[in-house]
Amino acid sequence: MDITIREARPEEYERLGEITARAYLDDGLLDFGEDDAYLHELRAVERRAAGAEVLVAVDEGELLGGVTFAAPGSVWADIARGGEAEFRMLAVAREGRGRGAGEALVRACVERARAIDGVERLLLSTQSSMLAAHRIYERMGFVRTPDRDWEPVPGLSLLTYALEL
């Protein structure tokens, strides 16, 4: 297997949006299922690409998943402060899981953050139930930052992790 990480192409936006939406829906991460307001955000890849870098994992032409990398100043950064970058909406299609795509996408975000002058930390928000993702983050050196945990909407508590660069 030879996973390639690159920027998403416009012709892939719809497919990546569906992969992301299905990952959240099928894993039971949206409280209101198909009626959850966040589903629209997950599918809006074109909108994200206008204000952040959307990366995809591809293996032999098969789109496996993607992530949104928010450099400092990006409108897509929820929790990043000065000297910090962030990534969001990491998702891998069910058929692509266990192949290293998720970790490859996170590594690409780490590389991008390290390449930006003045960036000292990479952050992310995650749900407590995203245990497979937590294992990837912890294996890569991310540590929990409970003081940065937050609620984007009432009742949805998000955990945060950070990697010192």
Protein backbone atom coordinates (compact mmCIF):
# COMPACT_ATOMS: atom_id res chain seq x y z
CA MET A 1 0.00 0.00 0.00
CA ASP A 2 1.28 3.43 -0.95
CA ILE A 3 -0.89 6.18 0.52
CA THR A 4 -0.42 9.61 -1.00
CA ILE A 5 -1.40 12.75 0.90
CA ARG A 6 -2.15 15.82 -1.21
CA GLU A 7 -4.53 18.74 -1.47
CA ALA A 8 -8.08 17.82 -2.37
CA ARG A 9 -9.08 18.57 -5.94
CA PRO A 10 -12.38 20.31 -6.71
CA GLU A 11 -13.72 17.19 -8.44
CA GLU A 12 -13.15 15.30 -5.15
CA TYR A 13 -14.98 17.72 -2.87
CA GLU A 14 -18.35 16.04 -3.10
CA ARG A 15 -16.94 12.55 -2.50
CA LEU A 16 -14.80 13.74 0.43
CA GLY A 17 -17.81 15.52 1.91
CA GLU A 18 -19.77 12.29 1.76
CA ILE A 19 -16.90 10.26 3.26
CA THR A 20 -16.67 12.75 6.12
CA ALA A 21 -20.43 12.85 6.70
CA ARG A 22 -20.73 9.04 6.58
CA ALA A 23 -17.84 8.60 9.02
CA TYR A 24 -19.54 10.84 11.57
CA LEU A 25 -22.99 9.37 10.95
CA ASP A 26 -21.98 5.71 10.88
CA ASP A 27 -19.85 6.09 14.01
CA GLY A 28 -22.79 7.66 15.87
CA LEU A 29 -21.01 10.97 16.41
CA LEU A 30 -23.93 13.22 15.47
CA ASP A 31 -26.60 13.52 18.14
CA PHE A 32 -29.35 14.23 15.63
CA GLY A 33 -28.27 11.85 12.88
CA GLU A 34 -29.27 12.98 9.40
CA ASP A 35 -30.95 16.05 10.95
CA ASP A 36 -27.79 17.26 12.71
CA ALA A 37 -26.84 20.80 11.68
CA TYR A 38 -23.14 19.89 11.69
CA LEU A 39 -23.71 17.48 8.82
CA HIS A 40 -23.88 20.45 6.44
CA GLU A 41 -20.43 21.60 7.63
CA LEU A 42 -18.97 18.13 7.18
CA ARG A 43 -20.16 18.01 3.57
CA ALA A 44 -19.07 21.59 2.73
CA VAL A 45 -15.57 20.72 1.49
CA GLU A 46 -15.54 23.47 -1.13
CA ARG A 47 -16.31 26.03 1.57
CA ARG A 48 -13.53 24.68 3.81
CA ALA A 49 -11.03 24.67 0.95
CA ALA A 50 -11.65 28.40 0.45
CA GLY A 51 -10.34 29.19 3.95
CA ALA A 52 -8.08 26.28 4.87
CA GLU A 53 -6.06 23.48 3.32
CA VAL A 54 -8.10 20.33 2.73
CA LEU A 55 -5.92 17.26 2.42
CA VAL A 56 -6.86 13.83 1.14
CA ALA A 57 -5.40 10.35 1.51
CA VAL A 58 -5.39 8.41 -1.76
CA ASP A 59 -4.27 4.84 -2.45
CA GLU A 60 -4.05 3.74 -6.09
CA GLY A 61 -6.64 6.32 -7.09
CA GLU A 62 -9.03 5.42 -4.24
CA LEU A 63 -10.00 8.35 -2.02
CA LEU A 64 -9.69 7.02 1.54
CA GLY A 65 -10.32 10.12 3.64
CA GLY A 66 -9.37 13.67 4.42
CA VAL A 67 -8.68 16.38 6.96
CA THR A 68 -8.88 20.17 7.16
CA PHE A 69 -5.64 21.90 8.18
CA ALA A 70 -6.15 25.40 9.58
CA ALA A 71 -2.99 27.49 9.60
CA PRO A 72 -2.78 30.47 11.95
CA GLY A 73 -5.40 33.06 11.06
CA SER A 74 -7.64 30.59 9.22
CA VAL A 75 -11.37 31.07 9.76
CA TRP A 76 -11.50 27.28 10.26
CA ALA A 77 -9.41 27.38 13.42
CA ASP A 78 -11.72 26.90 16.41
CA ILE A 79 -9.29 26.79 19.31
CA ALA A 80 -5.87 27.78 17.95
CA ARG A 81 -4.30 30.93 19.35
CA GLY A 82 -1.15 32.80 18.38
CA GLY A 83 1.67 30.44 17.45
CA GLU A 84 -0.73 27.53 16.93
CA ALA A 85 -2.22 25.63 14.00
CA GLU A 86 -5.14 23.24 14.13
CA PHE A 87 -6.68 20.40 12.21
CA ARG A 88 -10.32 19.39 12.02
CA MET A 89 -12.76 16.94 10.50
CA LEU A 90 -10.35 14.05 10.17
CA ALA A 91 -12.32 11.23 8.56
CA VAL A 92 -11.50 7.96 6.84
CA ALA A 93 -14.00 5.89 4.87
CA ARG A 94 -14.91 2.62 6.55
CA GLU A 95 -13.31 0.62 3.71
CA GLY A 96 -10.10 2.63 4.13
CA ARG A 97 -9.68 2.12 7.86
CA GLY A 98 -6.81 0.10 9.24
CA ARG A 99 -4.63 1.00 6.26
CA GLY A 100 -2.75 3.93 7.83
CA ALA A 101 -4.68 6.71 6.12
CA GLY A 102 -5.70 8.46 9.34
CA GLU A 103 -2.17 8.52 10.70
CA ALA A 104 -0.79 9.67 7.33
CA LEU A 105 -3.24 12.59 7.31
CA VAL A 106 -2.26 13.59 10.86
CA ARG A 107 1.45 13.36 9.94
CA ALA A 108 0.82 15.66 6.98
CA CYS A 109 -0.78 18.20 9.31
CA VAL A 110 2.21 17.97 11.67
CA GLU A 111 4.59 18.57 8.74
CA ARG A 112 2.59 21.57 7.56
CA ALA A 113 2.48 23.08 11.04
CA ARG A 114 6.24 22.61 11.49
CA ALA A 115 6.87 24.33 8.15
CA ILE A 116 5.14 27.56 9.25
CA ASP A 117 7.43 30.08 10.93
CA GLY A 118 6.31 30.90 14.44
CA VAL A 119 4.02 27.89 14.88
CA GLU A 120 4.94 26.12 18.11
CA ARG A 121 1.92 23.87 18.65
CA LEU A 122 -0.65 21.86 16.68
CA LEU A 123 -4.09 21.40 18.24
CA LEU A 124 -7.21 19.41 17.63
CA SER A 125 -10.63 18.87 19.17
CA THR A 126 -12.19 15.43 19.46
CA GLN A 127 -15.15 13.67 20.97
CA SER A 128 -14.60 11.35 23.92
CA SER A 129 -15.94 8.42 21.88
CA MET A 130 -13.33 8.75 19.09
CA LEU A 131 -11.03 6.22 20.73
CA ALA A 132 -9.25 5.00 17.59
CA ALA A 133 -8.33 8.59 16.75
CA HIS A 134 -7.12 9.18 20.32
CA ARG A 135 -4.76 6.22 19.96
CA ILE A 136 -3.27 7.75 16.81
CA TYR A 137 -2.83 11.15 18.47
CA GLU A 138 -1.22 9.71 21.59
CA ARG A 139 1.08 7.43 19.58
CA MET A 140 2.25 10.50 17.67
CA GLY A 141 3.03 12.48 20.82
CA PHE A 142 -0.10 14.59 21.22
CA VAL A 143 -1.10 15.15 24.84
CA ARG A 144 -4.47 15.95 26.36
CA THR A 145 -5.03 19.61 27.21
CA PRO A 146 -8.09 19.57 29.48
CA ASP A 147 -7.77 23.30 30.15
CA ARG A 148 -8.65 23.88 26.47
CA ASP A 149 -11.68 21.53 26.35
CA TRP A 150 -14.79 23.34 25.13
CA GLU A 151 -18.43 23.13 24.04
CA PRO A 152 -19.14 24.40 20.51
CA VAL A 153 -22.84 23.95 21.26
CA PRO A 154 -24.50 23.28 24.60
CA GLY A 155 -24.24 19.62 25.52
CA LEU A 156 -21.41 18.76 23.08
CA SER A 157 -18.19 18.60 25.08
CA LEU A 158 -15.01 18.35 23.04
CA LEU A 159 -11.65 17.17 24.34
CA THR A 160 -8.50 18.82 23.09
CA TYR A 161 -5.03 17.54 22.32
CA ALA A 162 -1.85 19.44 21.49
CA LEU A 163 1.51 18.55 20.01
CA GLU A 164 4.48 20.75 20.87
CA LEU A 165 6.47 21.31 17.70
